[in-house]
Amino acid sequence: MELDQHTVLTREPDGSISGITDVSFTPHLPTLIEQMFTGVRPAARGRGLGKWIKAAMLEKIRAEHPQAEWMITGNAESNGPMLSINHRLGFKEFRAGAVYQVSRERLAEVVAGL
C-alpha cells in the first residue's frame, strides 16, 4: 500500500527539534488525511509552537492534496493544550473510544490465576 507521510518540525537555535507533527495520506482514500503525532518538548512549550506546526501542516496538505476533505486525529482527554488547539482549528469529536493498558507482569498473573 502506498502511503504519503508529511512531517513539519521546528528546531531551536542549537539544532535540537522542539516540535513535530506528522500526517499520512493514502491514495485509495483521497479525501481523508490522518493527523498522527503532534508534540512539543516541555522546555519549548508556551510559545505557540503546537499551533504553528499544525497550521503549517494544514497549509501544506491543502496545497499538496487539494482533494482531501477530512482530517482525522486522536486526542487524549487529559491533554488540555492539544484539545484546545484542535478545537480552535475546528476539530470536533466524532467517535469516542477508550484505550486500556496493563503490564505484562500483571497480565501474566491474571492469566495464571484463570
N, C-alpha and C. Protein backbone atom coordinates (compact mmCIF):
# COMPACT_ATOMS: atom_id res chain seq x y z
N MET A 1 0.84 -1.18 0.00
CA MET A 1 0.00 0.00 0.00
C MET A 1 0.89 1.24 0.00
N GLU A 2 0.61 2.13 -0.90
CA GLU A 2 1.35 3.39 -0.99
C GLU A 2 0.86 4.34 0.10
N LEU A 3 1.78 5.06 0.69
CA LEU A 3 1.44 5.98 1.77
C LEU A 3 2.32 7.21 1.64
N ASP A 4 1.71 8.37 1.68
CA ASP A 4 2.44 9.64 1.69
C ASP A 4 2.47 10.12 3.13
N GLN A 5 3.65 10.33 3.66
CA GLN A 5 3.74 10.87 5.01
C GLN A 5 4.40 12.23 4.94
N HIS A 6 3.82 13.18 5.66
CA HIS A 6 4.34 14.55 5.70
C HIS A 6 4.68 14.90 7.13
N THR A 7 5.80 15.58 7.32
CA THR A 7 6.24 15.98 8.65
C THR A 7 6.62 17.45 8.64
N VAL A 8 6.20 18.16 9.67
CA VAL A 8 6.60 19.55 9.89
C VAL A 8 7.25 19.57 11.26
N LEU A 9 8.41 20.21 11.35
CA LEU A 9 9.07 20.31 12.66
C LEU A 9 9.71 21.66 12.84
N THR A 10 9.98 21.97 14.10
CA THR A 10 10.69 23.21 14.43
C THR A 10 11.99 22.83 15.09
N ARG A 11 12.99 23.67 14.88
CA ARG A 11 14.30 23.46 15.51
C ARG A 11 14.68 24.70 16.31
N GLU A 12 15.36 24.45 17.38
CA GLU A 12 15.88 25.53 18.21
C GLU A 12 17.19 26.02 17.60
N PRO A 13 17.70 27.17 18.06
CA PRO A 13 18.97 27.68 17.51
C PRO A 13 20.12 26.67 17.60
N ASP A 14 20.08 25.78 18.60
CA ASP A 14 21.16 24.79 18.73
C ASP A 14 20.94 23.58 17.82
N GLY A 15 19.86 23.58 17.04
CA GLY A 15 19.59 22.49 16.11
C GLY A 15 18.66 21.41 16.65
N SER A 16 18.37 21.42 17.93
CA SER A 16 17.50 20.39 18.50
C SER A 16 16.06 20.60 18.04
N ILE A 17 15.35 19.50 17.88
CA ILE A 17 13.94 19.57 17.48
C ILE A 17 13.12 19.97 18.69
N SER A 18 12.26 20.99 18.51
CA SER A 18 11.43 21.44 19.62
C SER A 18 9.97 21.08 19.43
N GLY A 19 9.53 20.87 18.21
CA GLY A 19 8.15 20.50 17.95
C GLY A 19 8.06 19.71 16.66
N ILE A 20 7.08 18.80 16.60
CA ILE A 20 6.93 17.97 15.40
C ILE A 20 5.48 17.55 15.26
N THR A 21 5.03 17.47 14.02
CA THR A 21 3.71 16.92 13.72
C THR A 21 3.82 16.17 12.41
N ASP A 22 3.02 15.10 12.28
CA ASP A 22 3.04 14.36 11.03
C ASP A 22 1.65 13.86 10.69
N VAL A 23 1.44 13.70 9.39
CA VAL A 23 0.17 13.21 8.87
C VAL A 23 0.46 12.16 7.81
N SER A 24 -0.56 11.35 7.51
CA SER A 24 -0.41 10.41 6.41
C SER A 24 -1.58 10.56 5.45
N PHE A 25 -1.28 10.31 4.18
CA PHE A 25 -2.26 10.36 3.11
C PHE A 25 -2.14 9.04 2.36
N THR A 26 -3.26 8.36 2.20
CA THR A 26 -3.30 7.10 1.48
C THR A 26 -4.09 7.32 0.19
N PRO A 27 -3.47 7.13 -0.97
CA PRO A 27 -4.14 7.44 -2.24
C PRO A 27 -5.50 6.75 -2.45
N HIS A 28 -5.70 5.57 -1.89
CA HIS A 28 -7.01 4.92 -2.10
C HIS A 28 -8.11 5.54 -1.23
N LEU A 29 -7.75 6.47 -0.35
CA LEU A 29 -8.72 7.25 0.44
C LEU A 29 -8.41 8.73 0.22
N PRO A 30 -8.60 9.24 -0.99
CA PRO A 30 -8.09 10.56 -1.35
C PRO A 30 -8.71 11.74 -0.61
N THR A 31 -9.87 11.55 0.01
CA THR A 31 -10.49 12.67 0.70
C THR A 31 -10.15 12.71 2.18
N LEU A 32 -9.29 11.80 2.65
CA LEU A 32 -9.02 11.66 4.07
C LEU A 32 -7.53 11.79 4.39
N ILE A 33 -7.22 12.60 5.37
CA ILE A 33 -5.86 12.75 5.89
C ILE A 33 -5.89 12.31 7.34
N GLU A 34 -4.90 11.54 7.76
CA GLU A 34 -4.82 11.14 9.17
C GLU A 34 -3.71 11.92 9.87
N GLN A 35 -4.12 12.78 10.80
CA GLN A 35 -3.17 13.51 11.64
C GLN A 35 -2.68 12.52 12.68
N MET A 36 -1.39 12.31 12.75
CA MET A 36 -0.87 11.31 13.68
C MET A 36 -0.32 11.99 14.92
N PHE A 37 0.96 12.15 15.01
CA PHE A 37 1.58 12.68 16.23
C PHE A 37 1.79 14.18 16.14
N THR A 38 1.56 14.86 17.23
CA THR A 38 1.98 16.25 17.39
C THR A 38 2.54 16.37 18.79
N GLY A 39 3.72 16.93 18.90
CA GLY A 39 4.30 17.11 20.22
C GLY A 39 5.29 18.26 20.25
N VAL A 40 5.37 18.89 21.42
CA VAL A 40 6.32 19.97 21.65
C VAL A 40 7.09 19.63 22.91
N ARG A 41 8.41 19.74 22.83
CA ARG A 41 9.25 19.44 24.00
C ARG A 41 8.84 20.34 25.17
N PRO A 42 8.85 19.80 26.38
CA PRO A 42 8.42 20.59 27.54
C PRO A 42 9.12 21.95 27.65
N ALA A 43 10.42 22.00 27.38
CA ALA A 43 11.16 23.26 27.51
C ALA A 43 10.74 24.30 26.47
N ALA A 44 10.08 23.87 25.39
CA ALA A 44 9.69 24.79 24.32
C ALA A 44 8.21 25.15 24.37
N ARG A 45 7.49 24.65 25.33
CA ARG A 45 6.05 24.90 25.40
C ARG A 45 5.76 26.33 25.83
N GLY A 46 4.54 26.78 25.49
CA GLY A 46 4.11 28.12 25.87
C GLY A 46 4.45 29.19 24.85
N ARG A 47 5.03 28.79 23.72
CA ARG A 47 5.41 29.74 22.68
C ARG A 47 4.54 29.62 21.43
N GLY A 48 3.52 28.77 21.47
CA GLY A 48 2.63 28.62 20.33
C GLY A 48 3.13 27.69 19.24
N LEU A 49 4.16 26.90 19.54
CA LEU A 49 4.73 26.03 18.50
C LEU A 49 3.73 24.96 18.04
N GLY A 50 2.95 24.41 18.96
CA GLY A 50 1.97 23.40 18.58
C GLY A 50 0.97 23.94 17.57
N LYS A 51 0.45 25.13 17.85
CA LYS A 51 -0.50 25.77 16.93
C LYS A 51 0.18 26.05 15.59
N TRP A 52 1.40 26.54 15.65
CA TRP A 52 2.11 26.92 14.44
C TRP A 52 2.37 25.72 13.54
N ILE A 53 2.87 24.62 14.11
CA ILE A 53 3.20 23.48 13.26
C ILE A 53 1.94 22.80 12.70
N LYS A 54 0.86 22.77 13.49
CA LYS A 54 -0.38 22.18 12.96
C LYS A 54 -0.96 23.05 11.86
N ALA A 55 -0.91 24.37 12.01
CA ALA A 55 -1.39 25.28 10.96
C ALA A 55 -0.52 25.16 9.71
N ALA A 56 0.79 25.07 9.88
CA ALA A 56 1.69 24.92 8.73
C ALA A 56 1.39 23.61 8.00
N MET A 57 1.09 22.56 8.77
CA MET A 57 0.76 21.28 8.15
C MET A 57 -0.54 21.39 7.36
N LEU A 58 -1.54 22.05 7.92
CA LEU A 58 -2.81 22.21 7.21
C LEU A 58 -2.61 22.94 5.89
N GLU A 59 -1.78 23.97 5.88
CA GLU A 59 -1.48 24.69 4.63
C GLU A 59 -0.79 23.78 3.63
N LYS A 60 0.15 22.99 4.11
CA LYS A 60 0.88 22.05 3.23
C LYS A 60 -0.08 21.04 2.62
N ILE A 61 -0.98 20.48 3.43
CA ILE A 61 -1.93 19.48 2.94
C ILE A 61 -2.89 20.10 1.93
N ARG A 62 -3.36 21.30 2.19
CA ARG A 62 -4.26 21.96 1.23
C ARG A 62 -3.58 22.16 -0.12
N ALA A 63 -2.29 22.49 -0.09
CA ALA A 63 -1.55 22.72 -1.33
C ALA A 63 -1.23 21.41 -2.06
N GLU A 64 -0.84 20.38 -1.32
CA GLU A 64 -0.38 19.14 -1.96
C GLU A 64 -1.48 18.11 -2.18
N HIS A 65 -2.57 18.21 -1.43
CA HIS A 65 -3.66 17.23 -1.55
C HIS A 65 -5.01 17.98 -1.55
N PRO A 66 -5.27 18.77 -2.59
CA PRO A 66 -6.49 19.58 -2.61
C PRO A 66 -7.77 18.75 -2.60
N GLN A 67 -7.68 17.47 -2.94
CA GLN A 67 -8.86 16.61 -2.91
C GLN A 67 -9.23 16.17 -1.50
N ALA A 68 -8.36 16.38 -0.53
CA ALA A 68 -8.64 15.99 0.85
C ALA A 68 -9.75 16.86 1.43
N GLU A 69 -10.76 16.23 1.98
CA GLU A 69 -11.89 16.93 2.58
C GLU A 69 -11.94 16.79 4.09
N TRP A 70 -11.34 15.74 4.61
CA TRP A 70 -11.43 15.44 6.04
C TRP A 70 -10.06 15.15 6.62
N MET A 71 -9.85 15.60 7.84
CA MET A 71 -8.65 15.25 8.59
C MET A 71 -9.12 14.64 9.90
N ILE A 72 -8.56 13.49 10.24
CA ILE A 72 -8.92 12.84 11.49
C ILE A 72 -7.71 12.84 12.41
N THR A 73 -7.97 12.89 13.70
CA THR A 73 -6.90 12.86 14.68
C THR A 73 -7.44 12.25 15.96
N GLY A 74 -6.56 11.87 16.83
CA GLY A 74 -6.93 11.38 18.15
C GLY A 74 -6.39 12.34 19.19
N ASN A 75 -7.04 12.39 20.33
CA ASN A 75 -6.61 13.31 21.38
C ASN A 75 -7.03 12.77 22.74
N ALA A 76 -6.09 12.63 23.64
CA ALA A 76 -6.42 12.20 24.99
C ALA A 76 -7.16 13.32 25.71
N GLU A 77 -8.19 12.96 26.44
CA GLU A 77 -8.95 13.95 27.21
C GLU A 77 -8.05 14.65 28.24
N SER A 78 -6.98 13.99 28.64
CA SER A 78 -6.09 14.56 29.65
C SER A 78 -5.12 15.59 29.07
N ASN A 79 -5.08 15.72 27.75
CA ASN A 79 -4.14 16.64 27.10
C ASN A 79 -4.86 17.94 26.74
N GLY A 80 -5.08 18.76 27.75
CA GLY A 80 -5.80 20.03 27.57
C GLY A 80 -5.23 20.95 26.51
N PRO A 81 -3.91 21.18 26.50
CA PRO A 81 -3.36 22.09 25.49
C PRO A 81 -3.63 21.63 24.05
N MET A 82 -3.49 20.32 23.78
CA MET A 82 -3.74 19.85 22.41
C MET A 82 -5.22 19.85 22.10
N LEU A 83 -6.07 19.55 23.09
CA LEU A 83 -7.52 19.65 22.88
C LEU A 83 -7.89 21.07 22.48
N SER A 84 -7.29 22.04 23.17
CA SER A 84 -7.57 23.45 22.88
C SER A 84 -7.16 23.80 21.45
N ILE A 85 -5.97 23.37 21.04
CA ILE A 85 -5.50 23.63 19.67
C ILE A 85 -6.46 23.00 18.67
N ASN A 86 -6.79 21.72 18.91
CA ASN A 86 -7.66 21.02 17.96
C ASN A 86 -9.04 21.67 17.88
N HIS A 87 -9.59 22.09 19.01
CA HIS A 87 -10.89 22.76 18.98
C HIS A 87 -10.82 24.08 18.22
N ARG A 88 -9.75 24.85 18.44
CA ARG A 88 -9.60 26.13 17.73
C ARG A 88 -9.40 25.94 16.24
N LEU A 89 -8.82 24.81 15.85
CA LEU A 89 -8.64 24.51 14.43
C LEU A 89 -9.93 23.98 13.79
N GLY A 90 -10.92 23.67 14.61
CA GLY A 90 -12.20 23.22 14.07
C GLY A 90 -12.48 21.74 14.21
N PHE A 91 -11.56 20.99 14.83
CA PHE A 91 -11.83 19.56 15.05
C PHE A 91 -12.98 19.42 16.03
N LYS A 92 -13.85 18.45 15.76
CA LYS A 92 -14.97 18.14 16.64
C LYS A 92 -14.95 16.64 16.91
N GLU A 93 -15.42 16.27 18.10
CA GLU A 93 -15.45 14.85 18.43
C GLU A 93 -16.38 14.12 17.49
N PHE A 94 -15.89 13.05 16.93
CA PHE A 94 -16.65 12.23 16.01
C PHE A 94 -16.93 10.86 16.61
N ARG A 95 -15.91 10.27 17.20
CA ARG A 95 -16.05 8.95 17.79
C ARG A 95 -15.17 8.91 19.03
N ALA A 96 -15.77 8.55 20.14
CA ALA A 96 -15.02 8.43 21.38
C ALA A 96 -14.61 6.97 21.57
N GLY A 97 -13.48 6.78 22.19
CA GLY A 97 -13.00 5.42 22.46
C GLY A 97 -12.21 5.40 23.74
N ALA A 98 -11.85 4.23 24.13
CA ALA A 98 -11.03 4.07 25.33
C ALA A 98 -9.86 3.15 25.00
N VAL A 99 -8.75 3.44 25.60
CA VAL A 99 -7.56 2.61 25.46
C VAL A 99 -7.18 2.18 26.86
N TYR A 100 -6.93 0.90 27.03
CA TYR A 100 -6.57 0.35 28.33
C TYR A 100 -5.15 -0.17 28.26
N GLN A 101 -4.50 -0.21 29.41
CA GLN A 101 -3.15 -0.75 29.41
C GLN A 101 -2.95 -1.56 30.66
N VAL A 102 -2.13 -2.59 30.53
CA VAL A 102 -1.80 -3.47 31.65
C VAL A 102 -0.36 -3.92 31.43
N SER A 103 0.36 -4.07 32.51
CA SER A 103 1.75 -4.53 32.38
C SER A 103 1.77 -6.01 32.01
N ARG A 104 2.82 -6.45 31.41
CA ARG A 104 2.97 -7.86 31.06
C ARG A 104 2.93 -8.72 32.31
N GLU A 105 3.57 -8.22 33.37
CA GLU A 105 3.62 -8.99 34.61
C GLU A 105 2.22 -9.18 35.19
N ARG A 106 1.44 -8.11 35.24
CA ARG A 106 0.08 -8.21 35.78
C ARG A 106 -0.79 -9.11 34.91
N LEU A 107 -0.64 -9.00 33.62
CA LEU A 107 -1.40 -9.85 32.72
C LEU A 107 -1.05 -11.32 32.93
N ALA A 108 0.23 -11.61 33.11
CA ALA A 108 0.66 -13.00 33.37
C ALA A 108 0.07 -13.51 34.68
N GLU A 109 0.00 -12.65 35.70
CA GLU A 109 -0.59 -13.05 36.97
C GLU A 109 -2.07 -13.41 36.80
N VAL A 110 -2.78 -12.57 36.08
CA VAL A 110 -4.21 -12.80 35.89
C VAL A 110 -4.44 -14.07 35.08
N VAL A 111 -3.68 -14.26 34.00
CA VAL A 111 -3.84 -15.44 33.19
C VAL A 111 -3.49 -16.69 33.99
N ALA A 112 -2.44 -16.63 34.78
CA ALA A 112 -2.06 -17.79 35.60
C ALA A 112 -3.14 -18.16 36.60
N GLY A 113 -3.90 -17.18 37.04
CA GLY A 113 -4.96 -17.43 38.02
C GLY A 113 -6.26 -17.92 37.41
N LEU A 114 -6.34 -18.00 36.09
CA LEU A 114 -7.60 -18.45 35.45
C LEU A 114 -7.75 -19.95 35.47
